Amino acid sequence: MPSITITFGEMTPIDLLKPMGDDDDGPRCPVATQDEDVNEENMQEAIEEYRYRDPADDGGFRATEVCGNCASYNQTENILECIGDESGDVGYCQSIKFVCSKNMTCDKWVSGDPITDEMFESDGDVF
């Protein structure tokens, strides 16, 4: 199946039409979901460069703009397995490459639905 790479401004390209799959050793996982130091470094970038923050601390915050409903927020089964969290409170930010809380926000928020397994149920077509 062909895949399409999409970029948003200076964002690192992501492959939205090809869900992460399994290899012989289990699911393929982004480095930041497996290496706490990489995740922490990327989270620091999110805080410093994109104001990753608790929306309660932001006077101009809109309740509709949280990580949990950002188009870069990945909550596919494979990603959640990589993260090792079953609470549903965290996902993987495809833009900044770190594990983030669904209740936080940042300046890289992208309009659209989060990335979920349901997006891939119709032959991988998310559009």
Protein backbone atom coordinates (compact mmCIF):
# COMPACT_ATOMS: atom_id res chain seq x y z
CA MET A 1 0.00 0.00 0.00
CA PRO A 2 1.41 3.43 -0.88
CA SER A 3 1.92 5.91 1.91
CA ILE A 4 1.70 9.68 1.98
CA THR A 5 4.06 11.89 3.97
CA ILE A 6 2.55 15.10 5.31
CA THR A 7 4.38 18.02 6.89
CA PHE A 8 3.00 21.01 8.77
CA GLY A 9 5.36 23.97 8.53
CA GLU A 10 8.66 23.04 10.17
CA MET A 11 7.24 19.82 11.61
CA THR A 12 9.11 16.58 11.06
CA PRO A 13 7.30 14.52 8.40
CA ILE A 14 4.99 11.81 9.68
CA ASP A 15 3.44 8.94 7.85
CA LEU A 16 -0.25 9.36 8.64
CA LEU A 17 -1.55 6.70 6.29
CA LYS A 18 0.63 3.85 7.46
CA PRO A 19 -0.11 2.76 11.03
CA MET A 20 2.78 1.46 13.06
CA GLY A 21 2.81 -2.29 12.76
CA ASP A 22 4.45 -5.24 14.40
CA ASP A 23 7.78 -6.72 13.49
CA ASP A 24 9.19 -10.01 14.75
CA ASP A 25 9.92 -8.49 18.16
CA GLY A 26 6.54 -6.79 18.69
CA PRO A 27 5.37 -3.27 17.83
CA ARG A 28 7.80 -0.76 16.34
CA CYS A 29 8.03 2.06 18.81
CA PRO A 30 9.23 5.67 18.53
CA VAL A 31 12.51 6.17 20.39
CA ALA A 32 10.97 8.64 22.85
CA THR A 33 8.50 6.00 24.06
CA GLN A 34 11.38 3.69 24.96
CA ASP A 35 14.12 6.09 26.08
CA GLU A 36 13.21 8.34 29.02
CA ASP A 37 16.14 10.68 28.34
CA VAL A 38 15.04 11.29 24.74
CA ASN A 39 11.45 11.77 25.86
CA GLU A 40 12.52 14.26 28.55
CA GLU A 41 14.70 16.18 26.07
CA ASN A 42 11.83 16.41 23.59
CA MET A 43 9.42 17.44 26.35
CA GLN A 44 11.82 20.23 27.35
CA GLU A 45 11.79 21.41 23.74
CA ALA A 46 7.98 21.34 23.85
CA ILE A 47 8.00 23.45 27.02
CA GLU A 48 10.62 25.94 25.86
CA GLU A 49 9.81 26.27 22.16
CA TYR A 50 6.06 25.55 22.02
CA ARG A 51 4.85 26.38 25.54
CA TYR A 52 3.66 22.87 26.44
CA ARG A 53 1.63 23.65 29.53
CA ASP A 54 -1.39 23.08 31.71
CA PRO A 55 -4.23 24.97 30.06
CA ALA A 56 -5.40 26.20 33.48
CA ASP A 57 -2.25 28.35 33.52
CA ASP A 58 -3.11 29.98 30.20
CA GLY A 59 -5.56 32.89 30.28
CA GLY A 60 -6.12 32.72 26.50
CA PHE A 61 -6.72 28.98 26.44
CA ARG A 62 -9.62 27.48 24.53
CA ALA A 63 -11.01 24.19 25.89
CA THR A 64 -11.20 22.84 22.35
CA GLU A 65 -7.41 23.04 21.93
CA VAL A 66 -5.86 20.34 24.11
CA CYS A 67 -3.45 17.58 23.18
CA GLY A 68 -6.24 15.00 23.38
CA ASN A 69 -7.98 16.49 20.33
CA CYS A 70 -4.89 17.57 18.38
CA ALA A 71 -4.32 16.02 14.95
CA SER A 72 -0.73 15.19 16.00
CA TYR A 73 -1.82 13.25 19.11
CA ASN A 74 -1.36 9.53 18.49
CA GLN A 75 -3.45 7.12 20.54
CA THR A 76 -3.30 4.04 18.35
CA GLU A 77 -3.16 0.67 20.08
CA ASN A 78 0.47 0.20 19.00
CA ILE A 79 1.54 3.56 20.41
CA LEU A 80 -0.26 2.94 23.69
CA GLU A 81 1.48 -0.44 23.90
CA CYS A 82 4.82 1.31 23.28
CA ILE A 83 4.07 3.84 26.02
CA GLY A 84 2.90 1.14 28.40
CA ASP A 85 -0.03 3.14 29.72
CA GLU A 86 -3.60 1.89 29.76
CA SER A 87 -5.16 4.92 31.45
CA GLY A 88 -6.01 6.70 28.20
CA ASP A 89 -4.57 9.89 29.69
CA VAL A 90 -1.42 10.00 27.55
CA GLY A 91 -0.53 9.66 23.89
CA TYR A 92 2.39 10.36 21.59
CA CYS A 93 2.89 13.77 20.00
CA GLN A 94 3.89 13.14 16.38
CA SER A 95 4.98 16.78 15.99
CA ILE A 96 7.41 17.13 18.87
CA LYS A 97 8.11 13.42 19.40
CA PHE A 98 7.31 12.92 23.08
CA VAL A 99 4.73 11.30 25.35
CA CYS A 100 2.19 13.94 26.31
CA SER A 101 -0.90 14.27 28.46
CA LYS A 102 -4.27 14.57 26.75
CA ASN A 103 -5.19 17.43 29.10
CA MET A 104 -2.23 19.67 28.26
CA THR A 105 -1.84 22.12 25.38
CA CYS A 106 0.96 23.72 23.34
CA ASP A 107 1.50 26.21 20.53
CA LYS A 108 1.91 23.40 17.94
CA TRP A 109 -1.71 22.27 18.42
CA VAL A 110 -3.20 21.21 15.07
CA SER A 111 -6.91 21.23 14.31
CA GLY A 112 -8.39 17.81 13.63
CA ASP A 113 -9.00 14.53 15.35
CA PRO A 114 -6.29 12.58 17.16
CA ILE A 115 -4.66 9.64 15.36
CA THR A 116 -6.50 6.45 16.35
CA ASP A 117 -6.88 2.90 15.05
CA GLU A 118 -10.32 3.81 13.71
CA MET A 119 -8.66 6.06 11.15
CA PHE A 120 -7.09 3.00 9.53
CA GLU A 121 -10.16 0.73 9.46
CA SER A 122 -11.18 1.68 5.92
CA ASP A 123 -8.09 0.43 4.08
CA GLY A 124 -5.87 3.02 5.70
CA ASP A 125 -7.66 6.01 4.21
CA VAL A 126 -7.77 8.77 6.84
CA PHE A 127 -9.24 11.39 4.54
